[in-house]
All heavy atoms as atom14 arrays in JSON, in Angstrom:
{
  "sequence": "WSRSDGLDPLRHSLVLNAITTDDDLLDDLINEPTVTNLYSGNRPTYHM",
  "atom14_mask": [
    [1, 1, 1, 1, 1, 1, 1, 1, 1, 1, 1, 1, 1, 1],
    [1, 1, 1, 1, 1, 1, 0, 0, 0, 0, 0, 0, 0, 0],
    [1, 1, 1, 1, 1, 1, 1, 1, 1, 1, 1, 0, 0, 0],
    [1, 1, 1, 1, 1, 1, 0, 0, 0, 0, 0, 0, 0, 0],
    [1, 1, 1, 1, 1, 1, 1, 1, 0, 0, 0, 0, 0, 0],
    [1, 1, 1, 1, 0, 0, 0, 0, 0, 0, 0, 0, 0, 0],
    [1, 1, 1, 1, 1, 1, 1, 1, 0, 0, 0, 0, 0, 0],
    [1, 1, 1, 1, 1, 1, 1, 1, 0, 0, 0, 0, 0, 0],
    [1, 1, 1, 1, 1, 1, 1, 0, 0, 0, 0, 0, 0, 0],
    [1, 1, 1, 1, 1, 1, 1, 1, 0, 0, 0, 0, 0, 0],
    [1, 1, 1, 1, 1, 1, 1, 1, 1, 1, 1, 0, 0, 0],
    [1, 1, 1, 1, 1, 1, 1, 1, 1, 1, 0, 0, 0, 0],
    [1, 1, 1, 1, 1, 1, 0, 0, 0, 0, 0, 0, 0, 0],
    [1, 1, 1, 1, 1, 1, 1, 1, 0, 0, 0, 0, 0, 0],
    [1, 1, 1, 1, 1, 1, 1, 0, 0, 0, 0, 0, 0, 0],
    [1, 1, 1, 1, 1, 1, 1, 1, 0, 0, 0, 0, 0, 0],
    [1, 1, 1, 1, 1, 1, 1, 1, 0, 0, 0, 0, 0, 0],
    [1, 1, 1, 1, 1, 0, 0, 0, 0, 0, 0, 0, 0, 0],
    [1, 1, 1, 1, 1, 1, 1, 1, 0, 0, 0, 0, 0, 0],
    [1, 1, 1, 1, 1, 1, 1, 0, 0, 0, 0, 0, 0, 0],
    [1, 1, 1, 1, 1, 1, 1, 0, 0, 0, 0, 0, 0, 0],
    [1, 1, 1, 1, 1, 1, 1, 1, 0, 0, 0, 0, 0, 0],
    [1, 1, 1, 1, 1, 1, 1, 1, 0, 0, 0, 0, 0, 0],
    [1, 1, 1, 1, 1, 1, 1, 1, 0, 0, 0, 0, 0, 0],
    [1, 1, 1, 1, 1, 1, 1, 1, 0, 0, 0, 0, 0, 0],
    [1, 1, 1, 1, 1, 1, 1, 1, 0, 0, 0, 0, 0, 0],
    [1, 1, 1, 1, 1, 1, 1, 1, 0, 0, 0, 0, 0, 0],
    [1, 1, 1, 1, 1, 1, 1, 1, 0, 0, 0, 0, 0, 0],
    [1, 1, 1, 1, 1, 1, 1, 1, 0, 0, 0, 0, 0, 0],
    [1, 1, 1, 1, 1, 1, 1, 1, 0, 0, 0, 0, 0, 0],
    [1, 1, 1, 1, 1, 1, 1, 1, 0, 0, 0, 0, 0, 0],
    [1, 1, 1, 1, 1, 1, 1, 1, 1, 0, 0, 0, 0, 0],
    [1, 1, 1, 1, 1, 1, 1, 0, 0, 0, 0, 0, 0, 0],
    [1, 1, 1, 1, 1, 1, 1, 0, 0, 0, 0, 0, 0, 0],
    [1, 1, 1, 1, 1, 1, 1, 0, 0, 0, 0, 0, 0, 0],
    [1, 1, 1, 1, 1, 1, 1, 0, 0, 0, 0, 0, 0, 0],
    [1, 1, 1, 1, 1, 1, 1, 1, 0, 0, 0, 0, 0, 0],
    [1, 1, 1, 1, 1, 1, 1, 1, 0, 0, 0, 0, 0, 0],
    [1, 1, 1, 1, 1, 1, 1, 1, 1, 1, 1, 1, 0, 0],
    [1, 1, 1, 1, 1, 1, 0, 0, 0, 0, 0, 0, 0, 0],
    [1, 1, 1, 1, 0, 0, 0, 0, 0, 0, 0, 0, 0, 0],
    [1, 1, 1, 1, 1, 1, 1, 1, 0, 0, 0, 0, 0, 0],
    [1, 1, 1, 1, 1, 1, 1, 1, 1, 1, 1, 0, 0, 0],
    [1, 1, 1, 1, 1, 1, 1, 0, 0, 0, 0, 0, 0, 0],
    [1, 1, 1, 1, 1, 1, 1, 0, 0, 0, 0, 0, 0, 0],
    [1, 1, 1, 1, 1, 1, 1, 1, 1, 1, 1, 1, 0, 0],
    [1, 1, 1, 1, 1, 1, 1, 1, 1, 1, 0, 0, 0, 0],
    [1, 1, 1, 1, 1, 1, 1, 1, 0, 0, 0, 0, 0, 0]
  ],
  "atom14_positions": [
    [[88.45, 91.11, 90.76], [88.01, 90.48, 92.02], [86.84, 91.28, 92.56], [86.8, 92.51, 92.46], [89.15, 90.48, 93.04], [88.77, 89.87, 94.37], [88.78, 88.56, 94.7], [88.33, 90.58, 95.55], [88.39, 88.38, 96.0], [88.1, 89.6, 96.55], [88.11, 91.94, 95.84], [87.66, 89.94, 97.82], [87.66, 92.26, 97.11], [87.44, 91.28, 98.09]],
    [[85.87, 90.58, 93.12], [84.74, 91.25, 93.75], [84.46, 90.58, 95.09], [84.93, 89.47, 95.36], [83.49, 91.17, 92.86], [83.02, 89.83, 92.77], [0.0, 0.0, 0.0], [0.0, 0.0, 0.0], [0.0, 0.0, 0.0], [0.0, 0.0, 0.0], [0.0, 0.0, 0.0], [0.0, 0.0, 0.0], [0.0, 0.0, 0.0], [0.0, 0.0, 0.0]],
    [[83.68, 91.27, 95.91], [83.36, 90.71, 97.23], [82.66, 89.37, 97.1], [82.81, 88.49, 97.95], [82.48, 91.68, 98.02], [83.07, 93.09, 98.16], [84.32, 93.12, 99.01], [85.08, 94.34, 98.82], [85.69, 95.0, 99.8], [85.61, 94.56, 101.03], [86.38, 96.08, 99.54], [0.0, 0.0, 0.0], [0.0, 0.0, 0.0], [0.0, 0.0, 0.0]],
    [[81.91, 89.2, 96.02], [81.2, 87.93, 95.84], [82.16, 86.78, 95.53], [81.83, 85.61, 95.75], [80.17, 88.05, 94.71], [80.8, 88.36, 93.48], [0.0, 0.0, 0.0], [0.0, 0.0, 0.0], [0.0, 0.0, 0.0], [0.0, 0.0, 0.0], [0.0, 0.0, 0.0], [0.0, 0.0, 0.0], [0.0, 0.0, 0.0], [0.0, 0.0, 0.0]],
    [[83.37, 87.1, 95.05], [84.36, 86.05, 94.81], [84.92, 85.52, 96.12], [85.45, 84.4, 96.17], [85.52, 86.59, 93.95], [85.08, 86.93, 92.54], [84.35, 86.12, 91.95], [85.47, 88.0, 92.04], [0.0, 0.0, 0.0], [0.0, 0.0, 0.0], [0.0, 0.0, 0.0], [0.0, 0.0, 0.0], [0.0, 0.0, 0.0], [0.0, 0.0, 0.0]],
    [[84.84, 86.32, 97.17], [85.3, 85.87, 98.47], [86.8, 85.64, 98.53], [87.58, 86.24, 97.79], [0.0, 0.0, 0.0], [0.0, 0.0, 0.0], [0.0, 0.0, 0.0], [0.0, 0.0, 0.0], [0.0, 0.0, 0.0], [0.0, 0.0, 0.0], [0.0, 0.0, 0.0], [0.0, 0.0, 0.0], [0.0, 0.0, 0.0], [0.0, 0.0, 0.0]],
    [[87.19, 84.73, 99.41], [88.61, 84.47, 99.64], [89.19, 83.4, 98.73], [90.42, 83.24, 98.68], [88.84, 84.06, 101.1], [88.45, 85.06, 102.19], [88.91, 84.56, 103.55], [89.02, 86.44, 101.91], [0.0, 0.0, 0.0], [0.0, 0.0, 0.0], [0.0, 0.0, 0.0], [0.0, 0.0, 0.0], [0.0, 0.0, 0.0], [0.0, 0.0, 0.0]],
    [[88.35, 82.69, 98.01], [88.86, 81.56, 97.2], [90.03, 81.94, 96.3], [91.04, 81.24, 96.26], [87.73, 80.95, 96.37], [86.85, 80.02, 97.18], [87.21, 79.74, 98.35], [85.81, 79.58, 96.67], [0.0, 0.0, 0.0], [0.0, 0.0, 0.0], [0.0, 0.0, 0.0], [0.0, 0.0, 0.0], [0.0, 0.0, 0.0], [0.0, 0.0, 0.0]],
    [[89.96, 83.05, 95.54], [91.08, 83.37, 94.66], [92.35, 83.8, 95.41], [93.42, 83.89, 94.8], [90.54, 84.53, 93.81], [89.06, 84.51, 93.98], [88.83, 83.98, 95.36], [0.0, 0.0, 0.0], [0.0, 0.0, 0.0], [0.0, 0.0, 0.0], [0.0, 0.0, 0.0], [0.0, 0.0, 0.0], [0.0, 0.0, 0.0], [0.0, 0.0, 0.0]],
    [[92.22, 84.08, 96.7], [93.34, 84.61, 97.48], [94.03, 83.54, 98.31], [95.11, 83.79, 98.87], [92.85, 85.72, 98.41], [92.04, 86.84, 97.74], [91.49, 87.8, 98.8], [92.89, 87.59, 96.73], [0.0, 0.0, 0.0], [0.0, 0.0, 0.0], [0.0, 0.0, 0.0], [0.0, 0.0, 0.0], [0.0, 0.0, 0.0], [0.0, 0.0, 0.0]],
    [[93.43, 82.38, 98.38], [93.98, 81.33, 99.23], [95.28, 80.75, 98.65], [95.62, 80.97, 97.52], [92.95, 80.22, 99.43], [91.76, 80.65, 100.28], [90.89, 79.46, 100.69], [89.9, 79.88, 101.68], [88.62, 80.11, 101.44], [88.16, 79.95, 100.21], [87.81, 80.5, 102.4], [0.0, 0.0, 0.0], [0.0, 0.0, 0.0], [0.0, 0.0, 0.0]],
    [[95.98, 80.0, 99.51], [97.22, 79.31, 99.13], [98.27, 80.3, 98.64], [98.9, 80.11, 97.6], [96.92, 78.24, 98.07], [95.87, 77.27, 98.49], [96.07, 76.33, 99.47], [94.58, 77.12, 98.09], [94.96, 75.63, 99.66], [94.04, 76.1, 98.83], [0.0, 0.0, 0.0], [0.0, 0.0, 0.0], [0.0, 0.0, 0.0], [0.0, 0.0, 0.0]],
    [[98.48, 81.35, 99.45], [99.46, 82.39, 99.13], [100.52, 82.43, 100.23], [100.18, 82.59, 101.41], [98.79, 83.76, 99.03], [97.78, 83.77, 98.04], [0.0, 0.0, 0.0], [0.0, 0.0, 0.0], [0.0, 0.0, 0.0], [0.0, 0.0, 0.0], [0.0, 0.0, 0.0], [0.0, 0.0, 0.0], [0.0, 0.0, 0.0], [0.0, 0.0, 0.0]],
    [[101.77, 82.32, 99.83], [102.85, 82.48, 100.81], [102.85, 83.91, 101.34], [103.01, 84.14, 102.54], [104.2, 82.14, 100.18], [105.42, 82.36, 101.06], [105.36, 81.49, 102.31], [106.7, 82.1, 100.28], [0.0, 0.0, 0.0], [0.0, 0.0, 0.0], [0.0, 0.0, 0.0], [0.0, 0.0, 0.0], [0.0, 0.0, 0.0], [0.0, 0.0, 0.0]],
    [[102.7, 84.87, 100.44], [102.53, 86.28, 100.82], [101.34, 86.83, 100.06], [101.19, 86.59, 98.86], [103.78, 87.12, 100.48], [103.59, 88.56, 100.97], [105.05, 86.53, 101.09], [0.0, 0.0, 0.0], [0.0, 0.0, 0.0], [0.0, 0.0, 0.0], [0.0, 0.0, 0.0], [0.0, 0.0, 0.0], [0.0, 0.0, 0.0], [0.0, 0.0, 0.0]],
    [[100.5, 87.57, 100.75], [99.41, 88.31, 100.12], [99.49, 89.75, 100.61], [99.44, 90.01, 101.82], [98.04, 87.72, 100.48], [96.82, 88.54, 100.05], [96.75, 88.67, 98.53], [95.53, 87.93, 100.6], [0.0, 0.0, 0.0], [0.0, 0.0, 0.0], [0.0, 0.0, 0.0], [0.0, 0.0, 0.0], [0.0, 0.0, 0.0], [0.0, 0.0, 0.0]],
    [[99.67, 90.68, 99.69], [99.6, 92.1, 100.03], [98.2, 92.58, 99.69], [97.85, 92.72, 98.51], [100.65, 92.91, 99.28], [100.69, 94.36, 99.74], [99.88, 94.79, 100.55], [101.62, 95.12, 99.19], [0.0, 0.0, 0.0], [0.0, 0.0, 0.0], [0.0, 0.0, 0.0], [0.0, 0.0, 0.0], [0.0, 0.0, 0.0], [0.0, 0.0, 0.0]],
    [[97.39, 92.84, 100.72], [96.03, 93.34, 100.53], [96.06, 94.86, 100.69], [96.15, 95.38, 101.82], [95.09, 92.7, 101.54], [0.0, 0.0, 0.0], [0.0, 0.0, 0.0], [0.0, 0.0, 0.0], [0.0, 0.0, 0.0], [0.0, 0.0, 0.0], [0.0, 0.0, 0.0], [0.0, 0.0, 0.0], [0.0, 0.0, 0.0], [0.0, 0.0, 0.0]],
    [[96.02, 95.56, 99.59], [96.05, 97.03, 99.59], [94.61, 97.49, 99.73], [93.85, 97.56, 98.76], [96.73, 97.54, 98.31], [98.18, 97.03, 98.24], [96.68, 99.06, 98.25], [98.87, 97.3, 96.92], [0.0, 0.0, 0.0], [0.0, 0.0, 0.0], [0.0, 0.0, 0.0], [0.0, 0.0, 0.0], [0.0, 0.0, 0.0], [0.0, 0.0, 0.0]],
    [[94.22, 97.78, 100.95], [92.82, 98.03, 101.26], [92.69, 98.83, 102.54], [93.61, 98.85, 103.37], [92.06, 96.69, 101.41], [90.68, 96.93, 101.62], [92.61, 95.87, 102.57], [0.0, 0.0, 0.0], [0.0, 0.0, 0.0], [0.0, 0.0, 0.0], [0.0, 0.0, 0.0], [0.0, 0.0, 0.0], [0.0, 0.0, 0.0], [0.0, 0.0, 0.0]],
    [[91.54, 99.46, 102.73], [91.2, 100.1, 104.01], [90.14, 99.29, 104.75], [89.63, 99.72, 105.78], [90.67, 101.52, 103.78], [89.52, 101.47, 102.93], [91.74, 102.41, 103.15], [0.0, 0.0, 0.0], [0.0, 0.0, 0.0], [0.0, 0.0, 0.0], [0.0, 0.0, 0.0], [0.0, 0.0, 0.0], [0.0, 0.0, 0.0], [0.0, 0.0, 0.0]],
    [[89.8, 98.11, 104.23], [88.73, 97.28, 104.78], [89.29, 96.4, 105.91], [89.9, 95.36, 105.67], [88.15, 96.41, 103.66], [86.93, 95.62, 104.1], [86.75, 95.44, 105.32], [86.17, 95.17, 103.21], [0.0, 0.0, 0.0], [0.0, 0.0, 0.0], [0.0, 0.0, 0.0], [0.0, 0.0, 0.0], [0.0, 0.0, 0.0], [0.0, 0.0, 0.0]],
    [[89.07, 96.85, 107.14], [89.59, 96.1, 108.28], [88.96, 94.72, 108.41], [89.61, 93.76, 108.86], [89.37, 96.89, 109.58], [90.26, 98.12, 109.68], [91.17, 98.26, 108.82], [90.05, 98.93, 110.61], [0.0, 0.0, 0.0], [0.0, 0.0, 0.0], [0.0, 0.0, 0.0], [0.0, 0.0, 0.0], [0.0, 0.0, 0.0], [0.0, 0.0, 0.0]],
    [[87.69, 94.6, 108.04], [87.03, 93.29, 108.12], [87.68, 92.31, 107.16], [87.86, 91.12, 107.5], [85.54, 93.42, 107.81], [84.77, 94.16, 108.9], [85.28, 94.22, 110.05], [83.68, 94.7, 108.61], [0.0, 0.0, 0.0], [0.0, 0.0, 0.0], [0.0, 0.0, 0.0], [0.0, 0.0, 0.0], [0.0, 0.0, 0.0], [0.0, 0.0, 0.0]],
    [[88.05, 92.78, 105.98], [88.73, 91.92, 105.02], [90.09, 91.49, 105.56], [90.48, 90.32, 105.46], [88.89, 92.65, 103.68], [89.67, 91.91, 102.58], [89.02, 90.57, 102.24], [89.79, 92.78, 101.34], [0.0, 0.0, 0.0], [0.0, 0.0, 0.0], [0.0, 0.0, 0.0], [0.0, 0.0, 0.0], [0.0, 0.0, 0.0], [0.0, 0.0, 0.0]],
    [[90.81, 92.42, 106.17], [92.1, 92.07, 106.76], [91.93, 91.06, 107.89], [92.74, 90.13, 108.04], [92.81, 93.33, 107.26], [93.29, 94.3, 106.18], [93.87, 95.56, 106.82], [94.33, 93.64, 105.27], [0.0, 0.0, 0.0], [0.0, 0.0, 0.0], [0.0, 0.0, 0.0], [0.0, 0.0, 0.0], [0.0, 0.0, 0.0], [0.0, 0.0, 0.0]],
    [[90.87, 91.22, 108.69], [90.58, 90.22, 109.73], [90.4, 88.84, 109.12], [90.95, 87.84, 109.61], [89.31, 90.61, 110.5], [89.53, 91.69, 111.53], [90.69, 91.86, 111.96], [88.55, 92.36, 111.91], [0.0, 0.0, 0.0], [0.0, 0.0, 0.0], [0.0, 0.0, 0.0], [0.0, 0.0, 0.0], [0.0, 0.0, 0.0], [0.0, 0.0, 0.0]],
    [[89.61, 88.79, 108.05], [89.36, 87.5, 107.4], [90.65, 86.89, 106.86], [90.86, 85.66, 106.95], [88.36, 87.67, 106.25], [86.95, 87.99, 106.74], [86.66, 87.76, 107.93], [86.15, 88.5, 105.92], [0.0, 0.0, 0.0], [0.0, 0.0, 0.0], [0.0, 0.0, 0.0], [0.0, 0.0, 0.0], [0.0, 0.0, 0.0], [0.0, 0.0, 0.0]],
    [[91.51, 87.73, 106.3], [92.75, 87.22, 105.71], [93.75, 86.8, 106.77], [94.48, 85.82, 106.59], [93.35, 88.27, 104.77], [92.54, 88.54, 103.5], [93.07, 89.76, 102.77], [92.55, 87.32, 102.58], [0.0, 0.0, 0.0], [0.0, 0.0, 0.0], [0.0, 0.0, 0.0], [0.0, 0.0, 0.0], [0.0, 0.0, 0.0], [0.0, 0.0, 0.0]],
    [[93.81, 87.53, 107.88], [94.68, 87.12, 108.99], [94.27, 85.74, 109.5], [95.11, 84.91, 109.86], [94.62, 88.16, 110.13], [95.53, 89.35, 109.82], [95.0, 87.54, 111.47], [97.02, 89.06, 109.97], [0.0, 0.0, 0.0], [0.0, 0.0, 0.0], [0.0, 0.0, 0.0], [0.0, 0.0, 0.0], [0.0, 0.0, 0.0], [0.0, 0.0, 0.0]],
    [[92.98, 85.49, 109.51], [92.47, 84.22, 110.04], [92.35, 83.12, 109.0], [91.93, 82.01, 109.32], [91.11, 84.46, 110.71], [91.24, 85.3, 111.96], [92.05, 85.01, 112.84], [90.46, 86.38, 112.05], [0.0, 0.0, 0.0], [0.0, 0.0, 0.0], [0.0, 0.0, 0.0], [0.0, 0.0, 0.0], [0.0, 0.0, 0.0], [0.0, 0.0, 0.0]],
    [[92.72, 83.42, 107.75], [92.68, 82.41, 106.69], [93.96, 81.56, 106.78], [95.06, 82.05, 106.56], [92.58, 83.09, 105.32], [92.82, 82.18, 104.13], [91.96, 80.94, 104.13], [90.74, 81.04, 104.35], [92.53, 79.84, 103.9], [0.0, 0.0, 0.0], [0.0, 0.0, 0.0], [0.0, 0.0, 0.0], [0.0, 0.0, 0.0], [0.0, 0.0, 0.0]],
    [[93.84, 80.26, 107.08], [95.04, 79.45, 107.33], [95.94, 79.25, 106.12], [97.13, 78.95, 106.29], [94.46, 78.11, 107.82], [93.04, 78.1, 107.38], [92.6, 79.51, 107.34], [0.0, 0.0, 0.0], [0.0, 0.0, 0.0], [0.0, 0.0, 0.0], [0.0, 0.0, 0.0], [0.0, 0.0, 0.0], [0.0, 0.0, 0.0], [0.0, 0.0, 0.0]],
    [[95.41, 79.39, 104.91], [96.25, 79.16, 103.73], [96.96, 80.42, 103.25], [97.72, 80.35, 102.27], [95.43, 78.56, 102.57], [94.53, 79.56, 102.07], [94.68, 77.32, 103.0], [0.0, 0.0, 0.0], [0.0, 0.0, 0.0], [0.0, 0.0, 0.0], [0.0, 0.0, 0.0], [0.0, 0.0, 0.0], [0.0, 0.0, 0.0], [0.0, 0.0, 0.0]],
    [[96.72, 81.55, 103.89], [97.5, 82.76, 103.62], [98.58, 82.82, 104.69], [98.3, 83.07, 105.87], [96.62, 84.03, 103.66], [97.48, 85.29, 103.55], [95.59, 83.99, 102.53], [0.0, 0.0, 0.0], [0.0, 0.0, 0.0], [0.0, 0.0, 0.0], [0.0, 0.0, 0.0], [0.0, 0.0, 0.0], [0.0, 0.0, 0.0], [0.0, 0.0, 0.0]],
    [[99.82, 82.57, 104.28], [100.9, 82.41, 105.25], [101.36, 83.73, 105.83], [101.54, 83.86, 107.04], [102.09, 81.68, 104.59], [101.61, 80.46, 104.01], [103.17, 81.37, 105.59], [0.0, 0.0, 0.0], [0.0, 0.0, 0.0], [0.0, 0.0, 0.0], [0.0, 0.0, 0.0], [0.0, 0.0, 0.0], [0.0, 0.0, 0.0], [0.0, 0.0, 0.0]],
    [[101.58, 84.73, 104.98], [102.02, 86.06, 105.41], [101.11, 87.1, 104.79], [100.83, 87.02, 103.58], [103.46, 86.34, 104.99], [104.43, 85.35, 105.59], [104.42, 85.1, 106.78], [105.28, 84.77, 104.75], [0.0, 0.0, 0.0], [0.0, 0.0, 0.0], [0.0, 0.0, 0.0], [0.0, 0.0, 0.0], [0.0, 0.0, 0.0], [0.0, 0.0, 0.0]],
    [[100.67, 88.05, 105.58], [99.77, 89.1, 105.11], [100.43, 90.45, 105.28], [100.84, 90.83, 106.37], [98.45, 89.06, 105.88], [97.41, 90.11, 105.48], [96.94, 89.9, 104.04], [96.23, 90.09, 106.44], [0.0, 0.0, 0.0], [0.0, 0.0, 0.0], [0.0, 0.0, 0.0], [0.0, 0.0, 0.0], [0.0, 0.0, 0.0], [0.0, 0.0, 0.0]],
    [[100.56, 91.18, 104.18], [101.03, 92.56, 104.2], [99.86, 93.45, 103.79], [98.89, 92.99, 103.2], [102.2, 92.78, 103.23], [103.44, 91.97, 103.5], [104.49, 91.97, 102.58], [103.59, 91.2, 104.65], [105.65, 91.24, 102.8], [104.74, 90.47, 104.88], [105.77, 90.49, 103.96], [106.91, 89.77, 104.18], [0.0, 0.0, 0.0], [0.0, 0.0, 0.0]],
    [[99.99, 94.73, 104.08], [98.95, 95.66, 103.65], [99.56, 97.02, 103.41], [100.0, 97.69, 104.35], [97.84, 95.77, 104.71], [96.8, 96.6, 104.25], [0.0, 0.0, 0.0], [0.0, 0.0, 0.0], [0.0, 0.0, 0.0], [0.0, 0.0, 0.0], [0.0, 0.0, 0.0], [0.0, 0.0, 0.0], [0.0, 0.0, 0.0], [0.0, 0.0, 0.0]],
    [[99.64, 97.4, 102.14], [100.13, 98.73, 101.81], [101.33, 98.72, 100.89], [101.52, 97.78, 100.11], [0.0, 0.0, 0.0], [0.0, 0.0, 0.0], [0.0, 0.0, 0.0], [0.0, 0.0, 0.0], [0.0, 0.0, 0.0], [0.0, 0.0, 0.0], [0.0, 0.0, 0.0], [0.0, 0.0, 0.0], [0.0, 0.0, 0.0], [0.0, 0.0, 0.0]],
    [[102.14, 99.73, 101.01], [103.22, 99.99, 100.05], [104.48, 99.21, 100.41], [105.54, 99.78, 100.65], [103.49, 101.49, 100.01], [104.06, 101.94, 98.68], [104.16, 101.15, 97.75], [104.43, 103.21, 98.59], [0.0, 0.0, 0.0], [0.0, 0.0, 0.0], [0.0, 0.0, 0.0], [0.0, 0.0, 0.0], [0.0, 0.0, 0.0], [0.0, 0.0, 0.0]],
    [[104.36, 97.88, 100.44], [105.47, 96.99, 100.76], [105.58, 95.93, 99.67], [104.59, 95.3, 99.31], [105.24, 96.28, 102.09], [105.13, 97.22, 103.28], [106.49, 97.7, 103.73], [106.41, 98.5, 104.94], [107.47, 99.01, 105.56], [108.67, 98.81, 105.07], [107.32, 99.74, 106.65], [0.0, 0.0, 0.0], [0.0, 0.0, 0.0], [0.0, 0.0, 0.0]],
    [[106.78, 95.69, 99.15], [106.92, 94.61, 98.17], [106.72, 93.25, 98.83], [107.02, 93.08, 100.02], [108.36, 94.77, 97.67], [109.08, 95.46, 98.78], [108.06, 96.37, 99.42], [0.0, 0.0, 0.0], [0.0, 0.0, 0.0], [0.0, 0.0, 0.0], [0.0, 0.0, 0.0], [0.0, 0.0, 0.0], [0.0, 0.0, 0.0], [0.0, 0.0, 0.0]],
    [[106.23, 92.32, 98.08], [105.93, 91.01, 98.67], [107.18, 90.23, 99.04], [107.1, 89.25, 99.8], [105.07, 90.17, 97.7], [105.72, 90.1, 96.42], [103.69, 90.77, 97.54], [0.0, 0.0, 0.0], [0.0, 0.0, 0.0], [0.0, 0.0, 0.0], [0.0, 0.0, 0.0], [0.0, 0.0, 0.0], [0.0, 0.0, 0.0], [0.0, 0.0, 0.0]],
    [[108.35, 90.64, 98.53], [109.59, 89.95, 98.9], [110.22, 90.53, 100.17], [111.29, 90.08, 100.6], [110.6, 90.0, 97.75], [111.02, 91.39, 97.34], [111.98, 92.1, 98.05], [110.43, 92.01, 96.23], [112.36, 93.39, 97.68], [110.81, 93.3, 95.86], [111.76, 93.98, 96.58], [112.12, 95.25, 96.22], [0.0, 0.0, 0.0], [0.0, 0.0, 0.0]],
    [[109.57, 91.52, 100.8], [110.14, 92.15, 101.99], [110.24, 91.15, 103.13], [109.28, 90.5, 103.5], [109.25, 93.33, 102.42], [109.72, 94.0, 103.68], [110.78, 94.87, 103.71], [109.27, 93.91, 104.96], [110.97, 95.31, 104.93], [110.06, 94.74, 105.72], [0.0, 0.0, 0.0], [0.0, 0.0, 0.0], [0.0, 0.0, 0.0], [0.0, 0.0, 0.0]],
    [[111.45, 90.99, 103.68], [111.68, 90.08, 104.79], [112.69, 90.7, 105.75], [113.62, 91.4, 105.34], [112.22, 88.72, 104.29], [111.21, 87.88, 103.55], [109.97, 87.18, 104.67], [108.75, 86.61, 103.48], [0.0, 0.0, 0.0], [0.0, 0.0, 0.0], [0.0, 0.0, 0.0], [0.0, 0.0, 0.0], [0.0, 0.0, 0.0], [0.0, 0.0, 0.0]]
  ]
}
């Protein structure tokens, strides 16, 4: 994945764990309507 790929490969995700320090990317993902739940860091995607 690269920044030029954008959000397209990440869309339509019930859970997306974005392991990143990029706050702008997290902002974009929080505001992406097809990403239902957003985690960031050392959390399994099944965590509920």
